[in-house]
All heavy atoms as atom14 arrays in JSON, in Angstrom:
{
  "sequence": "FSSQRSSYEIKHIFERTPLGFYVLNGAMKGAMLIAGYQIRNEKRN",
  "atom14_mask": [
    [1, 1, 1, 1, 1, 1, 1, 1, 1, 1, 1, 0, 0, 0],
    [1, 1, 1, 1, 1, 1, 0, 0, 0, 0, 0, 0, 0, 0],
    [1, 1, 1, 1, 1, 1, 0, 0, 0, 0, 0, 0, 0, 0],
    [1, 1, 1, 1, 1, 1, 1, 1, 1, 0, 0, 0, 0, 0],
    [1, 1, 1, 1, 1, 1, 1, 1, 1, 1, 1, 0, 0, 0],
    [1, 1, 1, 1, 1, 1, 0, 0, 0, 0, 0, 0, 0, 0],
    [1, 1, 1, 1, 1, 1, 0, 0, 0, 0, 0, 0, 0, 0],
    [1, 1, 1, 1, 1, 1, 1, 1, 1, 1, 1, 1, 0, 0],
    [1, 1, 1, 1, 1, 1, 1, 1, 1, 0, 0, 0, 0, 0],
    [1, 1, 1, 1, 1, 1, 1, 1, 0, 0, 0, 0, 0, 0],
    [1, 1, 1, 1, 1, 1, 1, 1, 1, 0, 0, 0, 0, 0],
    [1, 1, 1, 1, 1, 1, 1, 1, 1, 1, 0, 0, 0, 0],
    [1, 1, 1, 1, 1, 1, 1, 1, 0, 0, 0, 0, 0, 0],
    [1, 1, 1, 1, 1, 1, 1, 1, 1, 1, 1, 0, 0, 0],
    [1, 1, 1, 1, 1, 1, 1, 1, 1, 0, 0, 0, 0, 0],
    [1, 1, 1, 1, 1, 1, 1, 1, 1, 1, 1, 0, 0, 0],
    [1, 1, 1, 1, 1, 1, 1, 0, 0, 0, 0, 0, 0, 0],
    [1, 1, 1, 1, 1, 1, 1, 0, 0, 0, 0, 0, 0, 0],
    [1, 1, 1, 1, 1, 1, 1, 1, 0, 0, 0, 0, 0, 0],
    [1, 1, 1, 1, 0, 0, 0, 0, 0, 0, 0, 0, 0, 0],
    [1, 1, 1, 1, 1, 1, 1, 1, 1, 1, 1, 0, 0, 0],
    [1, 1, 1, 1, 1, 1, 1, 1, 1, 1, 1, 1, 0, 0],
    [1, 1, 1, 1, 1, 1, 1, 0, 0, 0, 0, 0, 0, 0],
    [1, 1, 1, 1, 1, 1, 1, 1, 0, 0, 0, 0, 0, 0],
    [1, 1, 1, 1, 1, 1, 1, 1, 0, 0, 0, 0, 0, 0],
    [1, 1, 1, 1, 0, 0, 0, 0, 0, 0, 0, 0, 0, 0],
    [1, 1, 1, 1, 1, 0, 0, 0, 0, 0, 0, 0, 0, 0],
    [1, 1, 1, 1, 1, 1, 1, 1, 0, 0, 0, 0, 0, 0],
    [1, 1, 1, 1, 1, 1, 1, 1, 1, 0, 0, 0, 0, 0],
    [1, 1, 1, 1, 0, 0, 0, 0, 0, 0, 0, 0, 0, 0],
    [1, 1, 1, 1, 1, 0, 0, 0, 0, 0, 0, 0, 0, 0],
    [1, 1, 1, 1, 1, 1, 1, 1, 0, 0, 0, 0, 0, 0],
    [1, 1, 1, 1, 1, 1, 1, 1, 0, 0, 0, 0, 0, 0],
    [1, 1, 1, 1, 1, 1, 1, 1, 0, 0, 0, 0, 0, 0],
    [1, 1, 1, 1, 1, 0, 0, 0, 0, 0, 0, 0, 0, 0],
    [1, 1, 1, 1, 0, 0, 0, 0, 0, 0, 0, 0, 0, 0],
    [1, 1, 1, 1, 1, 1, 1, 1, 1, 1, 1, 1, 0, 0],
    [1, 1, 1, 1, 1, 1, 1, 1, 1, 0, 0, 0, 0, 0],
    [1, 1, 1, 1, 1, 1, 1, 1, 0, 0, 0, 0, 0, 0],
    [1, 1, 1, 1, 1, 1, 1, 1, 1, 1, 1, 0, 0, 0],
    [1, 1, 1, 1, 1, 1, 1, 1, 0, 0, 0, 0, 0, 0],
    [1, 1, 1, 1, 1, 1, 1, 1, 1, 0, 0, 0, 0, 0],
    [1, 1, 1, 1, 1, 1, 1, 1, 1, 0, 0, 0, 0, 0],
    [1, 1, 1, 1, 1, 1, 1, 1, 1, 1, 1, 0, 0, 0],
    [1, 1, 1, 1, 1, 1, 1, 1, 0, 0, 0, 0, 0, 0]
  ],
  "atom14_positions": [
    [[6.66, 10.18, -14.9], [6.65, 9.53, -13.57], [5.9, 10.43, -12.59], [6.06, 11.67, -12.63], [8.04, 9.23, -13.05], [8.68, 8.05, -13.73], [9.53, 8.21, -14.83], [8.38, 6.78, -13.31], [10.07, 7.12, -15.44], [8.93, 5.68, -13.95], [9.8, 5.84, -14.99], [0.0, 0.0, 0.0], [0.0, 0.0, 0.0], [0.0, 0.0, 0.0]],
    [[5.15, 9.85, -11.71], [4.34, 10.58, -10.74], [5.19, 10.87, -9.51], [5.88, 10.02, -8.99], [3.13, 9.77, -10.35], [2.46, 10.41, -9.27], [0.0, 0.0, 0.0], [0.0, 0.0, 0.0], [0.0, 0.0, 0.0], [0.0, 0.0, 0.0], [0.0, 0.0, 0.0], [0.0, 0.0, 0.0], [0.0, 0.0, 0.0], [0.0, 0.0, 0.0]],
    [[5.05, 12.09, -9.02], [5.69, 12.43, -7.75], [4.6, 12.38, -6.64], [4.91, 12.67, -5.5], [6.35, 13.79, -7.81], [5.35, 14.75, -8.11], [0.0, 0.0, 0.0], [0.0, 0.0, 0.0], [0.0, 0.0, 0.0], [0.0, 0.0, 0.0], [0.0, 0.0, 0.0], [0.0, 0.0, 0.0], [0.0, 0.0, 0.0], [0.0, 0.0, 0.0]],
    [[3.41, 12.04, -7.0], [2.26, 11.99, -6.09], [2.19, 10.7, -5.27], [1.81, 10.67, -4.14], [0.95, 12.24, -6.81], [0.91, 13.56, -7.52], [1.07, 14.72, -6.6], [0.4, 14.78, -5.58], [1.91, 15.68, -6.93], [0.0, 0.0, 0.0], [0.0, 0.0, 0.0], [0.0, 0.0, 0.0], [0.0, 0.0, 0.0], [0.0, 0.0, 0.0]],
    [[2.47, 9.56, -5.96], [2.25, 8.26, -5.31], [3.47, 7.3, -5.64], [3.98, 7.35, -6.75], [0.99, 7.6, -5.85], [-0.25, 8.26, -5.54], [-0.82, 7.76, -4.25], [-2.14, 8.36, -4.05], [-2.46, 9.04, -2.98], [-1.55, 9.26, -2.05], [-3.67, 9.51, -2.81], [0.0, 0.0, 0.0], [0.0, 0.0, 0.0], [0.0, 0.0, 0.0]],
    [[3.8, 6.52, -4.66], [4.81, 5.49, -4.9], [4.09, 4.13, -5.02], [2.93, 3.99, -4.63], [5.8, 5.43, -3.71], [5.16, 4.94, -2.55], [0.0, 0.0, 0.0], [0.0, 0.0, 0.0], [0.0, 0.0, 0.0], [0.0, 0.0, 0.0], [0.0, 0.0, 0.0], [0.0, 0.0, 0.0], [0.0, 0.0, 0.0], [0.0, 0.0, 0.0]],
    [[4.82, 3.13, -5.5], [4.21, 1.79, -5.59], [3.79, 1.29, -4.19], [2.81, 0.62, -4.04], [5.16, 0.81, -6.22], [6.38, 0.74, -5.51], [0.0, 0.0, 0.0], [0.0, 0.0, 0.0], [0.0, 0.0, 0.0], [0.0, 0.0, 0.0], [0.0, 0.0, 0.0], [0.0, 0.0, 0.0], [0.0, 0.0, 0.0], [0.0, 0.0, 0.0]],
    [[4.59, 1.69, -3.19], [4.27, 1.27, -1.82], [2.93, 1.86, -1.35], [2.1, 1.21, -0.74], [5.4, 1.72, -0.88], [5.27, 1.19, 0.49], [5.53, -0.18, 0.79], [4.9, 1.99, 1.55], [5.41, -0.67, 2.06], [4.76, 1.48, 2.83], [5.03, 0.17, 3.09], [4.92, -0.34, 4.35], [0.0, 0.0, 0.0], [0.0, 0.0, 0.0]],
    [[2.7, 3.12, -1.66], [1.41, 3.78, -1.31], [0.29, 3.16, -2.1], [-0.81, 2.91, -1.56], [1.49, 5.28, -1.63], [2.47, 6.0, -0.72], [2.76, 7.41, -1.19], [3.1, 7.59, -2.39], [2.64, 8.36, -0.38], [0.0, 0.0, 0.0], [0.0, 0.0, 0.0], [0.0, 0.0, 0.0], [0.0, 0.0, 0.0], [0.0, 0.0, 0.0]],
    [[0.51, 2.84, -3.39], [-0.52, 2.27, -4.2], [-0.89, 0.85, -3.72], [-2.06, 0.48, -3.7], [-0.07, 2.25, -5.67], [0.01, 3.67, -6.25], [-1.03, 1.38, -6.54], [0.71, 3.79, -7.55], [0.0, 0.0, 0.0], [0.0, 0.0, 0.0], [0.0, 0.0, 0.0], [0.0, 0.0, 0.0], [0.0, 0.0, 0.0], [0.0, 0.0, 0.0]],
    [[0.08, 0.1, -3.28], [-0.17, -1.26, -2.76], [-1.08, -1.18, -1.53], [-2.0, -2.0, -1.37], [1.08, -2.04, -2.5], [1.52, -2.04, -1.05], [2.74, -2.88, -0.77], [2.93, -3.09, 0.67], [2.09, -4.1, 1.27], [0.0, 0.0, 0.0], [0.0, 0.0, 0.0], [0.0, 0.0, 0.0], [0.0, 0.0, 0.0], [0.0, 0.0, 0.0]],
    [[-0.88, -0.15, -0.7], [-1.74, 0.01, 0.47], [-3.16, 0.39, 0.12], [-4.13, -0.02, 0.76], [-1.13, 0.98, 1.45], [0.0, 0.4, 2.24], [-0.18, -0.56, 3.22], [1.35, 0.64, 2.2], [0.99, -0.9, 3.72], [1.92, -0.21, 3.14], [0.0, 0.0, 0.0], [0.0, 0.0, 0.0], [0.0, 0.0, 0.0], [0.0, 0.0, 0.0]],
    [[-3.33, 1.22, -0.92], [-4.63, 1.59, -1.41], [-5.35, 0.34, -1.86], [-6.52, 0.07, -1.55], [-4.55, 2.64, -2.51], [-4.01, 3.96, -1.95], [-5.91, 2.83, -3.16], [-3.61, 4.99, -2.99], [0.0, 0.0, 0.0], [0.0, 0.0, 0.0], [0.0, 0.0, 0.0], [0.0, 0.0, 0.0], [0.0, 0.0, 0.0], [0.0, 0.0, 0.0]],
    [[-4.65, -0.5, -2.68], [-5.25, -1.76, -3.17], [-5.66, -2.64, -2.0], [-6.77, -3.24, -2.0], [-4.26, -2.49, -4.07], [-4.61, -3.88, -4.34], [-5.69, -4.15, -5.2], [-4.01, -4.96, -3.68], [-6.11, -5.49, -5.43], [-4.42, -6.27, -3.94], [-5.5, -6.53, -4.8], [0.0, 0.0, 0.0], [0.0, 0.0, 0.0], [0.0, 0.0, 0.0]],
    [[-4.83, -2.77, -1.03], [-5.1, -3.68, 0.09], [-6.37, -3.31, 0.85], [-6.99, -4.15, 1.5], [-3.92, -3.72, 1.07], [-2.72, -4.42, 0.49], [-1.44, -4.28, 1.3], [-1.42, -3.49, 2.28], [-0.45, -4.95, 1.0], [0.0, 0.0, 0.0], [0.0, 0.0, 0.0], [0.0, 0.0, 0.0], [0.0, 0.0, 0.0], [0.0, 0.0, 0.0]],
    [[-6.75, -2.02, 0.81], [-7.94, -1.55, 1.52], [-9.21, -1.63, 0.68], [-10.3, -1.24, 1.14], [-7.71, -0.11, 2.02], [-6.69, -0.02, 3.12], [-6.64, 1.35, 3.74], [-6.23, 2.4, 2.81], [-5.01, 2.86, 2.61], [-4.04, 2.35, 3.21], [-4.8, 3.8, 1.72], [0.0, 0.0, 0.0], [0.0, 0.0, 0.0], [0.0, 0.0, 0.0]],
    [[-9.12, -2.09, -0.56], [-10.3, -2.24, -1.41], [-11.08, -3.47, -1.07], [-10.53, -4.39, -0.43], [-9.92, -2.24, -2.91], [-9.13, -3.44, -3.16], [-9.12, -1.0, -3.27], [0.0, 0.0, 0.0], [0.0, 0.0, 0.0], [0.0, 0.0, 0.0], [0.0, 0.0, 0.0], [0.0, 0.0, 0.0], [0.0, 0.0, 0.0], [0.0, 0.0, 0.0]],
    [[-12.36, -3.57, -1.45], [-13.17, -4.76, -1.1], [-12.52, -6.06, -1.53], [-12.65, -7.06, -0.82], [-14.49, -4.48, -1.83], [-14.59, -2.98, -1.9], [-13.17, -2.52, -2.13], [0.0, 0.0, 0.0], [0.0, 0.0, 0.0], [0.0, 0.0, 0.0], [0.0, 0.0, 0.0], [0.0, 0.0, 0.0], [0.0, 0.0, 0.0], [0.0, 0.0, 0.0]],
    [[-11.92, -6.13, -2.67], [-11.32, -7.37, -3.18], [-9.79, -7.43, -2.89], [-9.11, -8.34, -3.28], [-11.56, -7.55, -4.68], [-13.02, -7.78, -5.08], [-13.13, -7.9, -6.59], [-13.57, -9.05, -4.41], [0.0, 0.0, 0.0], [0.0, 0.0, 0.0], [0.0, 0.0, 0.0], [0.0, 0.0, 0.0], [0.0, 0.0, 0.0], [0.0, 0.0, 0.0]],
    [[-9.31, -6.4, -2.2], [-7.88, -6.31, -1.95], [-7.37, -7.36, -0.97], [-8.15, -7.96, -0.22], [0.0, 0.0, 0.0], [0.0, 0.0, 0.0], [0.0, 0.0, 0.0], [0.0, 0.0, 0.0], [0.0, 0.0, 0.0], [0.0, 0.0, 0.0], [0.0, 0.0, 0.0], [0.0, 0.0, 0.0], [0.0, 0.0, 0.0], [0.0, 0.0, 0.0]],
    [[-6.07, -7.6, -0.99], [-5.42, -8.54, -0.09], [-3.99, -8.04, 0.05], [-3.52, -7.18, -0.71], [-5.45, -9.97, -0.68], [-5.04, -10.05, -2.1], [-3.7, -10.26, -2.45], [-5.95, -9.91, -3.12], [-3.27, -10.31, -3.76], [-5.55, -9.97, -4.47], [-4.19, -10.2, -4.77], [0.0, 0.0, 0.0], [0.0, 0.0, 0.0], [0.0, 0.0, 0.0]],
    [[-3.27, -8.6, 1.03], [-1.91, -8.19, 1.26], [-0.99, -8.6, 0.09], [-1.04, -9.74, -0.36], [-1.35, -8.84, 2.54], [0.09, -8.51, 2.81], [0.41, -7.28, 3.36], [1.08, -9.4, 2.43], [1.76, -6.94, 3.58], [2.41, -9.04, 2.64], [2.75, -7.85, 3.23], [4.07, -7.51, 3.4], [0.0, 0.0, 0.0], [0.0, 0.0, 0.0]],
    [[-0.22, -7.63, -0.4], [0.79, -7.91, -1.43], [2.06, -7.24, -1.03], [2.07, -6.19, -0.43], [0.37, -7.49, -2.84], [-0.77, -8.29, -3.36], [0.07, -6.0, -2.89], [0.0, 0.0, 0.0], [0.0, 0.0, 0.0], [0.0, 0.0, 0.0], [0.0, 0.0, 0.0], [0.0, 0.0, 0.0], [0.0, 0.0, 0.0], [0.0, 0.0, 0.0]],
    [[3.21, -7.87, -1.4], [4.46, -7.2, -1.24], [4.63, -6.13, -2.31], [4.01, -6.16, -3.36], [5.62, -8.23, -1.36], [5.66, -9.25, -0.23], [6.69, -10.36, -0.61], [6.03, -8.6, 1.07], [0.0, 0.0, 0.0], [0.0, 0.0, 0.0], [0.0, 0.0, 0.0], [0.0, 0.0, 0.0], [0.0, 0.0, 0.0], [0.0, 0.0, 0.0]],
    [[5.43, -5.12, -2.02], [5.63, -4.04, -2.95], [6.09, -4.52, -4.3], [5.69, -4.02, -5.34], [6.64, -3.02, -2.35], [6.66, -1.74, -3.14], [5.63, -1.19, -3.51], [7.84, -1.23, -3.4], [0.0, 0.0, 0.0], [0.0, 0.0, 0.0], [0.0, 0.0, 0.0], [0.0, 0.0, 0.0], [0.0, 0.0, 0.0], [0.0, 0.0, 0.0]],
    [[7.01, -5.51, -4.3], [7.47, -6.05, -5.57], [6.38, -6.66, -6.42], [6.35, -6.53, -7.64], [0.0, 0.0, 0.0], [0.0, 0.0, 0.0], [0.0, 0.0, 0.0], [0.0, 0.0, 0.0], [0.0, 0.0, 0.0], [0.0, 0.0, 0.0], [0.0, 0.0, 0.0], [0.0, 0.0, 0.0], [0.0, 0.0, 0.0], [0.0, 0.0, 0.0]],
    [[5.41, -7.37, -5.79], [4.31, -7.91, -6.52], [3.44, -6.84, -7.15], [2.97, -6.99, -8.28], [3.44, -8.8, -5.6], [0.0, 0.0, 0.0], [0.0, 0.0, 0.0], [0.0, 0.0, 0.0], [0.0, 0.0, 0.0], [0.0, 0.0, 0.0], [0.0, 0.0, 0.0], [0.0, 0.0, 0.0], [0.0, 0.0, 0.0], [0.0, 0.0, 0.0]],
    [[3.26, -5.7, -6.44], [2.51, -4.59, -7.02], [3.3, -4.04, -8.2], [2.72, -3.73, -9.27], [2.31, -3.48, -5.99], [1.63, -2.26, -6.54], [0.01, -2.52, -7.31], [-1.01, -2.72, -5.88], [0.0, 0.0, 0.0], [0.0, 0.0, 0.0], [0.0, 0.0, 0.0], [0.0, 0.0, 0.0], [0.0, 0.0, 0.0], [0.0, 0.0, 0.0]],
    [[4.63, -3.91, -8.1], [5.43, -3.43, -9.21], [5.29, -4.37, -10.41], [5.17, -3.92, -11.56], [6.91, -3.36, -8.84], [7.2, -2.2, -7.88], [8.71, -2.24, -7.6], [9.1, -1.11, -6.72], [10.56, -1.04, -6.52], [0.0, 0.0, 0.0], [0.0, 0.0, 0.0], [0.0, 0.0, 0.0], [0.0, 0.0, 0.0], [0.0, 0.0, 0.0]],
    [[5.27, -5.7, -10.16], [5.11, -6.66, -11.23], [3.77, -6.5, -11.92], [3.7, -6.54, -13.15], [0.0, 0.0, 0.0], [0.0, 0.0, 0.0], [0.0, 0.0, 0.0], [0.0, 0.0, 0.0], [0.0, 0.0, 0.0], [0.0, 0.0, 0.0], [0.0, 0.0, 0.0], [0.0, 0.0, 0.0], [0.0, 0.0, 0.0], [0.0, 0.0, 0.0]],
    [[2.72, -6.32, -11.16], [1.37, -6.13, -11.73], [1.34, -4.87, -12.58], [0.75, -4.83, -13.67], [0.31, -6.08, -10.63], [0.0, 0.0, 0.0], [0.0, 0.0, 0.0], [0.0, 0.0, 0.0], [0.0, 0.0, 0.0], [0.0, 0.0, 0.0], [0.0, 0.0, 0.0], [0.0, 0.0, 0.0], [0.0, 0.0, 0.0], [0.0, 0.0, 0.0]],
    [[2.0, -3.84, -12.1], [2.0, -2.59, -12.86], [2.82, -2.7, -14.14], [2.44, -2.16, -15.17], [2.5, -1.46, -11.97], [1.48, -1.17, -10.83], [1.99, 0.16, -9.72], [1.51, 1.53, -10.81], [0.0, 0.0, 0.0], [0.0, 0.0, 0.0], [0.0, 0.0, 0.0], [0.0, 0.0, 0.0], [0.0, 0.0, 0.0], [0.0, 0.0, 0.0]],
    [[3.93, -3.44, -14.06], [4.68, -3.67, -15.31], [3.86, -4.43, -16.34], [3.85, -4.08, -17.52], [5.93, -4.48, -14.99], [7.13, -3.69, -14.43], [8.21, -4.66, -13.93], [7.71, -2.8, -15.49], [0.0, 0.0, 0.0], [0.0, 0.0, 0.0], [0.0, 0.0, 0.0], [0.0, 0.0, 0.0], [0.0, 0.0, 0.0], [0.0, 0.0, 0.0]],
    [[3.18, -5.47, -15.87], [2.33, -6.26, -16.79], [1.21, -5.38, -17.37], [0.86, -5.51, -18.54], [1.79, -7.51, -16.06], [2.9, -8.5, -15.93], [0.59, -8.07, -16.78], [2.59, -9.72, -15.1], [0.0, 0.0, 0.0], [0.0, 0.0, 0.0], [0.0, 0.0, 0.0], [0.0, 0.0, 0.0], [0.0, 0.0, 0.0], [0.0, 0.0, 0.0]],
    [[0.75, -4.44, -16.57], [-0.34, -3.58, -17.07], [0.17, -2.43, -17.98], [-0.61, -1.66, -18.46], [-1.1, -2.96, -15.85], [0.0, 0.0, 0.0], [0.0, 0.0, 0.0], [0.0, 0.0, 0.0], [0.0, 0.0, 0.0], [0.0, 0.0, 0.0], [0.0, 0.0, 0.0], [0.0, 0.0, 0.0], [0.0, 0.0, 0.0], [0.0, 0.0, 0.0]],
    [[1.48, -2.37, -18.15], [2.04, -1.41, -19.08], [2.7, -0.17, -18.45], [3.11, 0.69, -19.16], [0.0, 0.0, 0.0], [0.0, 0.0, 0.0], [0.0, 0.0, 0.0], [0.0, 0.0, 0.0], [0.0, 0.0, 0.0], [0.0, 0.0, 0.0], [0.0, 0.0, 0.0], [0.0, 0.0, 0.0], [0.0, 0.0, 0.0], [0.0, 0.0, 0.0]],
    [[2.84, -0.15, -17.16], [3.51, 0.97, -16.52], [4.99, 0.74, -16.44], [5.44, -0.41, -16.47], [2.95, 1.19, -15.07], [1.53, 1.64, -15.06], [0.49, 0.76, -15.12], [1.25, 3.0, -14.98], [-0.84, 1.16, -15.15], [-0.07, 3.45, -15.0], [-1.09, 2.55, -15.06], [-2.35, 2.96, -15.1], [0.0, 0.0, 0.0], [0.0, 0.0, 0.0]],
    [[5.77, 1.81, -16.34], [7.25, 1.7, -16.2], [7.56, 1.95, -14.75], [6.91, 2.77, -14.05], [7.9, 2.79, -17.05], [7.64, 2.64, -18.52], [8.18, 1.34, -19.08], [9.35, 1.0, -18.82], [7.38, 0.61, -19.83], [0.0, 0.0, 0.0], [0.0, 0.0, 0.0], [0.0, 0.0, 0.0], [0.0, 0.0, 0.0], [0.0, 0.0, 0.0]],
    [[8.58, 1.23, -14.26], [8.99, 1.51, -12.88], [10.26, 2.25, -12.84], [11.1, 2.19, -13.76], [9.11, 0.22, -12.05], [10.24, -0.7, -12.55], [7.81, -0.55, -12.0], [10.56, -1.82, -11.63], [0.0, 0.0, 0.0], [0.0, 0.0, 0.0], [0.0, 0.0, 0.0], [0.0, 0.0, 0.0], [0.0, 0.0, 0.0], [0.0, 0.0, 0.0]],
    [[10.48, 2.96, -11.77], [11.67, 3.7, -11.54], [12.05, 3.46, -10.07], [11.37, 3.93, -9.19], [11.42, 5.19, -11.79], [12.59, 6.08, -11.53], [12.33, 7.5, -11.93], [11.27, 8.09, -11.07], [10.91, 9.33, -11.18], [11.38, 10.11, -12.12], [9.98, 9.85, -10.37], [0.0, 0.0, 0.0], [0.0, 0.0, 0.0], [0.0, 0.0, 0.0]],
    [[13.16, 2.77, -9.89], [13.59, 2.46, -8.51], [14.37, 3.58, -7.94], [15.44, 3.9, -8.39], [14.44, 1.19, -8.48], [13.61, -0.06, -8.41], [12.52, -0.05, -7.83], [14.11, -1.14, -8.96], [0.0, 0.0, 0.0], [0.0, 0.0, 0.0], [0.0, 0.0, 0.0], [0.0, 0.0, 0.0], [0.0, 0.0, 0.0], [0.0, 0.0, 0.0]],
    [[13.79, 4.18, -6.96], [14.41, 5.21, -6.19], [14.1, 4.93, -4.73], [13.43, 3.94, -4.42], [13.94, 6.6, -6.56], [14.4, 7.01, -7.95], [14.02, 8.43, -8.29], [13.25, 9.04, -7.49], [14.44, 8.93, -9.33], [0.0, 0.0, 0.0], [0.0, 0.0, 0.0], [0.0, 0.0, 0.0], [0.0, 0.0, 0.0], [0.0, 0.0, 0.0]],
    [[14.46, 5.82, -3.87], [14.23, 5.58, -2.42], [12.74, 5.33, -2.15], [12.4, 4.51, -1.32], [14.7, 6.77, -1.59], [16.21, 6.82, -1.51], [16.64, 7.98, -0.63], [18.17, 8.0, -0.59], [18.64, 9.12, 0.17], [0.0, 0.0, 0.0], [0.0, 0.0, 0.0], [0.0, 0.0, 0.0], [0.0, 0.0, 0.0], [0.0, 0.0, 0.0]],
    [[11.84, 6.02, -2.86], [10.4, 5.88, -2.59], [9.75, 4.91, -3.59], [8.53, 4.83, -3.64], [9.73, 7.22, -2.62], [10.25, 8.12, -1.47], [9.36, 9.31, -1.31], [8.01, 8.91, -1.02], [6.97, 9.67, -1.26], [7.06, 10.85, -1.78], [5.76, 9.23, -0.91], [0.0, 0.0, 0.0], [0.0, 0.0, 0.0], [0.0, 0.0, 0.0]],
    [[10.53, 4.24, -4.45], [10.02, 3.24, -5.38], [8.92, 3.82, -6.29], [7.84, 3.27, -6.41], [9.46, 2.04, -4.66], [10.51, 1.44, -3.78], [11.63, 1.19, -4.25], [10.19, 1.16, -2.52], [0.0, 0.0, 0.0], [0.0, 0.0, 0.0], [0.0, 0.0, 0.0], [0.0, 0.0, 0.0], [0.0, 0.0, 0.0], [0.0, 0.0, 0.0]]
  ]
}
C-alpha cells in the first residue's frame, strides 16, 4: 500500500486531466478495484 497518495488525491489528479470529470471518491475506488488494485479503508482512504 502506498503512503504517498490516497484515493481522494488520485481522484483530484484524474479530474484535472484533459478527459477527466468530477467523480466521487467511491467511484474512483471502484475503478481501481476493477483495474486490479486493493483498497484499504483508513482515515485517508
